[in-house]
Amino acid sequence: MFDKLFGKLQGQKDEMKERLAKETLEAEVEDGAIRVKVNGNREILDISIDQEKVDLSDTEQLEDFLIIAINQALELATELEASEAQKMINDMIPPGLGGLFGMKDA
């Protein structure tokens, strides 16, 4: 019985990971000076730098902007992943029983 349940859980987890890989999220700093794109699996897909908005000779500023943009993008991906995981859990709990586990029925 538990093998079947864990197999189903693993399958749903794999499906969620595939869905998250297809989701693209973007964060930017300083009005688009730096943009970072990630997918829902928290993989960085692209980093773009607008050379008209960033002084490339100021490496400290560039590094700070990169850190901020990357962290913002990863936070968006983490929030998306948490939302998808909550949906997956809600789908597994029979209707009406979510309250037993402190969860709200969807």
C-alpha atoms as a PDB file:
ATOM      1  CA  MET A   1       0.000   0.000   0.000  1.00  0.00           C
ATOM      2  CA  PHE A   2       2.721   2.480   0.963  1.00  0.00           C
ATOM      3  CA  ASP A   3       4.779   1.534  -2.092  1.00  0.00           C
ATOM      4  CA  LYS A   4       1.882   2.512  -4.309  1.00  0.00           C
ATOM      5  CA  LEU A   5       1.384   5.784  -2.413  1.00  0.00           C
ATOM      6  CA  PHE A   6       5.084   6.680  -2.554  1.00  0.00           C
ATOM      7  CA  GLY A   7       5.213   5.752  -6.239  1.00  0.00           C
ATOM      8  CA  LYS A   8       2.291   8.076  -6.919  1.00  0.00           C
ATOM      9  CA  LEU A   9       3.936  10.819  -4.858  1.00  0.00           C
ATOM     10  CA  GLN A  10       7.214  10.456  -6.766  1.00  0.00           C
ATOM     11  CA  GLY A  11       5.352  10.585 -10.074  1.00  0.00           C
ATOM     12  CA  GLN A  12       3.540  13.752  -9.060  1.00  0.00           C
ATOM     13  CA  LYS A  13       6.810  15.271  -7.844  1.00  0.00           C
ATOM     14  CA  ASP A  14       8.445  14.498 -11.205  1.00  0.00           C
ATOM     15  CA  GLU A  15       5.484  16.043 -13.054  1.00  0.00           C
ATOM     16  CA  MET A  16       5.724  19.148 -10.896  1.00  0.00           C
ATOM     17  CA  LYS A  17       9.440  19.445 -11.620  1.00  0.00           C
ATOM     18  CA  GLU A  18       8.718  19.242 -15.361  1.00  0.00           C
ATOM     19  CA  ARG A  19       6.032  21.947 -15.082  1.00  0.00           C
ATOM     20  CA  LEU A  20       8.360  24.190 -13.077  1.00  0.00           C
ATOM     21  CA  ALA A  21      11.105  23.785 -15.686  1.00  0.00           C
ATOM     22  CA  LYS A  22       8.743  25.317 -18.262  1.00  0.00           C
ATOM     23  CA  GLU A  23       7.927  28.369 -16.132  1.00  0.00           C
ATOM     24  CA  THR A  24      10.146  31.409 -16.700  1.00  0.00           C
ATOM     25  CA  LEU A  25      10.373  34.122 -14.075  1.00  0.00           C
ATOM     26  CA  GLU A  26      12.258  37.396 -14.304  1.00  0.00           C
ATOM     27  CA  ALA A  27      13.627  39.899 -11.807  1.00  0.00           C
ATOM     28  CA  GLU A  28      15.286  43.205 -12.527  1.00  0.00           C
ATOM     29  CA  VAL A  29      17.098  45.936 -10.646  1.00  0.00           C
ATOM     30  CA  GLU A  30      17.540  49.630 -11.291  1.00  0.00           C
ATOM     31  CA  ASP A  31      14.800  49.912 -13.908  1.00  0.00           C
ATOM     32  CA  GLY A  32      16.099  47.037 -16.003  1.00  0.00           C
ATOM     33  CA  ALA A  33      19.815  47.696 -15.613  1.00  0.00           C
ATOM     34  CA  ILE A  34      20.196  44.005 -14.860  1.00  0.00           C
ATOM     35  CA  ARG A  35      17.627  41.313 -15.608  1.00  0.00           C
ATOM     36  CA  VAL A  36      17.817  37.730 -14.437  1.00  0.00           C
ATOM     37  CA  LYS A  37      15.607  34.957 -15.801  1.00  0.00           C
ATOM     38  CA  VAL A  38      15.148  31.684 -13.956  1.00  0.00           C
ATOM     39  CA  ASN A  39      12.843  28.744 -14.300  1.00  0.00           C
ATOM     40  CA  GLY A  40      10.631  27.334 -11.563  1.00  0.00           C
ATOM     41  CA  ASN A  41      13.349  24.854 -10.623  1.00  0.00           C
ATOM     42  CA  ARG A  42      15.596  27.765  -9.598  1.00  0.00           C
ATOM     43  CA  GLU A  43      17.917  27.370 -12.576  1.00  0.00           C
ATOM     44  CA  ILE A  44      19.334  30.593 -13.992  1.00  0.00           C
ATOM     45  CA  LEU A  45      18.429  30.826 -17.678  1.00  0.00           C
ATOM     46  CA  ASP A  46      19.735  34.262 -18.614  1.00  0.00           C
ATOM     47  CA  ILE A  47      21.380  37.368 -17.227  1.00  0.00           C
ATOM     48  CA  SER A  48      21.292  40.573 -19.228  1.00  0.00           C
ATOM     49  CA  ILE A  49      23.053  43.834 -18.467  1.00  0.00           C
ATOM     50  CA  ASP A  50      22.018  47.142 -20.000  1.00  0.00           C
ATOM     51  CA  GLN A  51      25.355  48.870 -20.460  1.00  0.00           C
ATOM     52  CA  GLU A  52      23.646  52.248 -20.714  1.00  0.00           C
ATOM     53  CA  LYS A  53      22.280  51.879 -17.183  1.00  0.00           C
ATOM     54  CA  VAL A  54      25.261  50.239 -15.472  1.00  0.00           C
ATOM     55  CA  ASP A  55      28.790  51.542 -15.125  1.00  0.00           C
ATOM     56  CA  LEU A  56      30.745  48.414 -16.032  1.00  0.00           C
ATOM     57  CA  SER A  57      33.926  49.876 -14.582  1.00  0.00           C
ATOM     58  CA  ASP A  58      32.253  49.993 -11.138  1.00  0.00           C
ATOM     59  CA  THR A  59      32.594  46.295 -10.354  1.00  0.00           C
ATOM     60  CA  GLU A  60      31.330  46.655  -6.795  1.00  0.00           C
ATOM     61  CA  GLN A  61      28.055  48.175  -8.005  1.00  0.00           C
ATOM     62  CA  LEU A  62      27.750  45.571 -10.770  1.00  0.00           C
ATOM     63  CA  GLU A  63      28.301  42.738  -8.293  1.00  0.00           C
ATOM     64  CA  ASP A  64      25.735  44.217  -5.886  1.00  0.00           C
ATOM     65  CA  PHE A  65      23.138  44.563  -8.646  1.00  0.00           C
ATOM     66  CA  LEU A  66      23.772  40.982  -9.795  1.00  0.00           C
ATOM     67  CA  ILE A  67      23.367  39.609  -6.288  1.00  0.00           C
ATOM     68  CA  ILE A  68      20.125  41.526  -5.761  1.00  0.00           C
ATOM     69  CA  ALA A  69      18.621  40.489  -9.113  1.00  0.00           C
ATOM     70  CA  ILE A  70      19.640  36.842  -8.738  1.00  0.00           C
ATOM     71  CA  ASN A  71      18.253  36.635  -5.210  1.00  0.00           C
ATOM     72  CA  GLN A  72      14.976  38.247  -6.300  1.00  0.00           C
ATOM     73  CA  ALA A  73      14.611  35.824  -9.214  1.00  0.00           C
ATOM     74  CA  LEU A  74      15.381  32.817  -7.022  1.00  0.00           C
ATOM     75  CA  GLU A  75      12.840  34.027  -4.450  1.00  0.00           C
ATOM     76  CA  LEU A  76      10.169  34.190  -7.172  1.00  0.00           C
ATOM     77  CA  ALA A  77      11.038  30.634  -8.196  1.00  0.00           C
ATOM     78  CA  THR A  78      10.916  29.445  -4.582  1.00  0.00           C
ATOM     79  CA  GLU A  79       7.461  30.987  -4.136  1.00  0.00           C
ATOM     80  CA  LEU A  80       6.228  29.332  -7.337  1.00  0.00           C
ATOM     81  CA  GLU A  81       7.616  25.964  -6.247  1.00  0.00           C
ATOM     82  CA  ALA A  82       5.937  26.271  -2.832  1.00  0.00           C
ATOM     83  CA  SER A  83       2.628  27.122  -4.485  1.00  0.00           C
ATOM     84  CA  GLU A  84       2.876  24.136  -6.839  1.00  0.00           C
ATOM     85  CA  ALA A  85       3.825  21.827  -3.951  1.00  0.00           C
ATOM     86  CA  GLN A  86       0.806  23.026  -1.963  1.00  0.00           C
ATOM     87  CA  LYS A  87      -1.458  22.290  -4.938  1.00  0.00           C
ATOM     88  CA  MET A  88       0.060  18.811  -5.229  1.00  0.00           C
ATOM     89  CA  ILE A  89      -0.560  18.128  -1.537  1.00  0.00           C
ATOM     90  CA  ASN A  90      -4.130  19.438  -1.750  1.00  0.00           C
ATOM     91  CA  ASP A  91      -4.781  17.127  -4.709  1.00  0.00           C
ATOM     92  CA  MET A  92      -3.616  14.120  -2.686  1.00  0.00           C
ATOM     93  CA  ILE A  93      -5.854  14.736   0.348  1.00  0.00           C
ATOM     94  CA  PRO A  94      -9.439  13.535  -0.048  1.00  0.00           C
ATOM     95  CA  PRO A  95     -12.013  16.360  -0.132  1.00  0.00           C
ATOM     96  CA  GLY A  96     -13.126  17.431   3.321  1.00  0.00           C
ATOM     97  CA  LEU A  97     -10.134  15.951   5.151  1.00  0.00           C
ATOM     98  CA  GLY A  98      -7.730  18.859   4.690  1.00  0.00           C
ATOM     99  CA  GLY A  99      -8.941  20.402   7.943  1.00  0.00           C
ATOM    100  CA  LEU A 100      -7.658  17.382   9.844  1.00  0.00           C
ATOM    101  CA  PHE A 101      -4.109  18.300   8.855  1.00  0.00           C
ATOM    102  CA  GLY A 102      -4.444  22.027   9.451  1.00  0.00           C
ATOM    103  CA  MET A 103      -4.839  22.718   5.723  1.00  0.00           C
ATOM    104  CA  LYS A 104      -7.628  24.512   3.917  1.00  0.00           C
ATOM    105  CA  ASP A 105      -9.586  22.600   1.305  1.00  0.00           C
ATOM    106  CA  ALA A 106      -9.094  24.095  -2.150  1.00  0.00           C
END
